[in-house]
Amino acid sequence: MINLNFYFTIGFFLCVLIAMILYAWIFSRKGKDKDLTLDPKFIWFCSICTHTYINTREETISVCPRCGSYNKK
């Protein structure tokens, strides 16, 4: 029979459990990392206050969130 210390055994199993959880977390995150891209048609530039902003609505005229002026593509 193998004689093991109780605290050593508990510590060993906790380290193995933490290592397995860390391994699963690291390799499950690889599939979730996505390349975020923004279509240039959603980037607007205000001609009055020179503020660059994003408007995801497909419109020909947009209102600047900073100064409230109307901008045309």
C-alpha atoms as a PDB file:
ATOM      1  CA  MET A   1       0.000   0.000   0.000  1.00  0.00           C
ATOM      2  CA  ILE A   2       1.218   3.493  -0.845  1.00  0.00           C
ATOM      3  CA  ASN A   3       1.422   5.826   2.107  1.00  0.00           C
ATOM      4  CA  LEU A   4       0.404   9.415   1.122  1.00  0.00           C
ATOM      5  CA  ASN A   5       0.076  12.550   3.157  1.00  0.00           C
ATOM      6  CA  PHE A   6      -3.537  13.850   3.186  1.00  0.00           C
ATOM      7  CA  TYR A   7      -2.578  17.502   2.474  1.00  0.00           C
ATOM      8  CA  PHE A   8      -0.217  16.512  -0.333  1.00  0.00           C
ATOM      9  CA  THR A   9      -2.952  14.446  -1.986  1.00  0.00           C
ATOM     10  CA  ILE A  10      -5.536  17.232  -1.750  1.00  0.00           C
ATOM     11  CA  GLY A  11      -3.009  19.769  -3.077  1.00  0.00           C
ATOM     12  CA  PHE A  12      -2.062  17.504  -5.963  1.00  0.00           C
ATOM     13  CA  PHE A  13      -5.673  16.957  -7.033  1.00  0.00           C
ATOM     14  CA  LEU A  14      -6.439  20.685  -6.772  1.00  0.00           C
ATOM     15  CA  CYS A  15      -3.442  21.509  -8.983  1.00  0.00           C
ATOM     16  CA  VAL A  16      -4.535  18.942 -11.563  1.00  0.00           C
ATOM     17  CA  LEU A  17      -8.103  20.289 -11.511  1.00  0.00           C
ATOM     18  CA  ILE A  18      -6.929  23.896 -11.939  1.00  0.00           C
ATOM     19  CA  ALA A  19      -4.626  22.865 -14.794  1.00  0.00           C
ATOM     20  CA  MET A  20      -7.478  21.091 -16.593  1.00  0.00           C
ATOM     21  CA  ILE A  21      -9.794  24.085 -16.196  1.00  0.00           C
ATOM     22  CA  LEU A  22      -7.093  26.465 -17.454  1.00  0.00           C
ATOM     23  CA  TYR A  23      -6.363  24.197 -20.422  1.00  0.00           C
ATOM     24  CA  ALA A  24     -10.048  24.012 -21.348  1.00  0.00           C
ATOM     25  CA  TRP A  25     -10.469  27.783 -20.989  1.00  0.00           C
ATOM     26  CA  ILE A  26      -7.474  28.637 -23.179  1.00  0.00           C
ATOM     27  CA  PHE A  27      -8.413  26.287 -26.008  1.00  0.00           C
ATOM     28  CA  SER A  28     -12.105  27.174 -25.960  1.00  0.00           C
ATOM     29  CA  ARG A  29     -11.270  30.880 -26.401  1.00  0.00           C
ATOM     30  CA  LYS A  30      -9.479  30.313 -29.727  1.00  0.00           C
ATOM     31  CA  GLY A  31     -12.738  29.722 -31.555  1.00  0.00           C
ATOM     32  CA  LYS A  32     -14.356  32.813 -30.083  1.00  0.00           C
ATOM     33  CA  ASP A  33     -11.705  35.311 -31.195  1.00  0.00           C
ATOM     34  CA  LYS A  34     -13.112  36.893 -34.304  1.00  0.00           C
ATOM     35  CA  ASP A  35     -11.638  39.482 -36.592  1.00  0.00           C
ATOM     36  CA  LEU A  36     -13.750  42.589 -36.207  1.00  0.00           C
ATOM     37  CA  THR A  37     -13.913  44.677 -39.351  1.00  0.00           C
ATOM     38  CA  LEU A  38     -15.912  47.762 -40.138  1.00  0.00           C
ATOM     39  CA  ASP A  39     -17.203  48.548 -43.573  1.00  0.00           C
ATOM     40  CA  PRO A  40     -15.899  51.952 -44.757  1.00  0.00           C
ATOM     41  CA  LYS A  41     -19.408  53.008 -45.781  1.00  0.00           C
ATOM     42  CA  PHE A  42     -20.348  53.275 -42.073  1.00  0.00           C
ATOM     43  CA  ILE A  43     -17.505  55.692 -41.221  1.00  0.00           C
ATOM     44  CA  TRP A  44     -18.621  59.301 -41.472  1.00  0.00           C
ATOM     45  CA  PHE A  45     -16.599  62.529 -41.330  1.00  0.00           C
ATOM     46  CA  CYS A  46     -18.233  65.778 -40.246  1.00  0.00           C
ATOM     47  CA  SER A  47     -17.349  68.680 -42.515  1.00  0.00           C
ATOM     48  CA  ILE A  48     -18.112  71.289 -39.804  1.00  0.00           C
ATOM     49  CA  CYS A  49     -16.387  70.041 -36.626  1.00  0.00           C
ATOM     50  CA  THR A  50     -14.052  67.455 -38.300  1.00  0.00           C
ATOM     51  CA  HIS A  51     -15.367  64.691 -36.032  1.00  0.00           C
ATOM     52  CA  THR A  52     -15.108  61.116 -37.322  1.00  0.00           C
ATOM     53  CA  TYR A  53     -17.982  58.892 -36.206  1.00  0.00           C
ATOM     54  CA  ILE A  54     -19.742  55.641 -37.034  1.00  0.00           C
ATOM     55  CA  ASN A  55     -23.320  55.441 -38.261  1.00  0.00           C
ATOM     56  CA  THR A  56     -24.446  51.916 -39.115  1.00  0.00           C
ATOM     57  CA  ARG A  57     -27.679  52.940 -40.784  1.00  0.00           C
ATOM     58  CA  GLU A  58     -27.517  52.904 -44.539  1.00  0.00           C
ATOM     59  CA  GLU A  59     -28.501  56.491 -45.224  1.00  0.00           C
ATOM     60  CA  THR A  60     -27.223  59.155 -47.586  1.00  0.00           C
ATOM     61  CA  ILE A  61     -27.439  61.882 -44.926  1.00  0.00           C
ATOM     62  CA  SER A  62     -26.270  61.541 -41.328  1.00  0.00           C
ATOM     63  CA  VAL A  63     -26.373  63.808 -38.279  1.00  0.00           C
ATOM     64  CA  CYS A  64     -23.092  64.444 -36.478  1.00  0.00           C
ATOM     65  CA  PRO A  65     -23.331  63.383 -32.797  1.00  0.00           C
ATOM     66  CA  ARG A  66     -20.987  66.180 -31.681  1.00  0.00           C
ATOM     67  CA  CYS A  67     -22.278  69.315 -33.388  1.00  0.00           C
ATOM     68  CA  GLY A  68     -25.621  68.184 -34.833  1.00  0.00           C
ATOM     69  CA  SER A  69     -24.883  69.213 -38.413  1.00  0.00           C
ATOM     70  CA  TYR A  70     -26.044  67.192 -41.396  1.00  0.00           C
ATOM     71  CA  ASN A  71     -23.439  65.378 -43.463  1.00  0.00           C
ATOM     72  CA  LYS A  72     -23.730  63.819 -46.882  1.00  0.00           C
ATOM     73  CA  LYS A  73     -21.621  60.952 -48.223  1.00  0.00           C
END
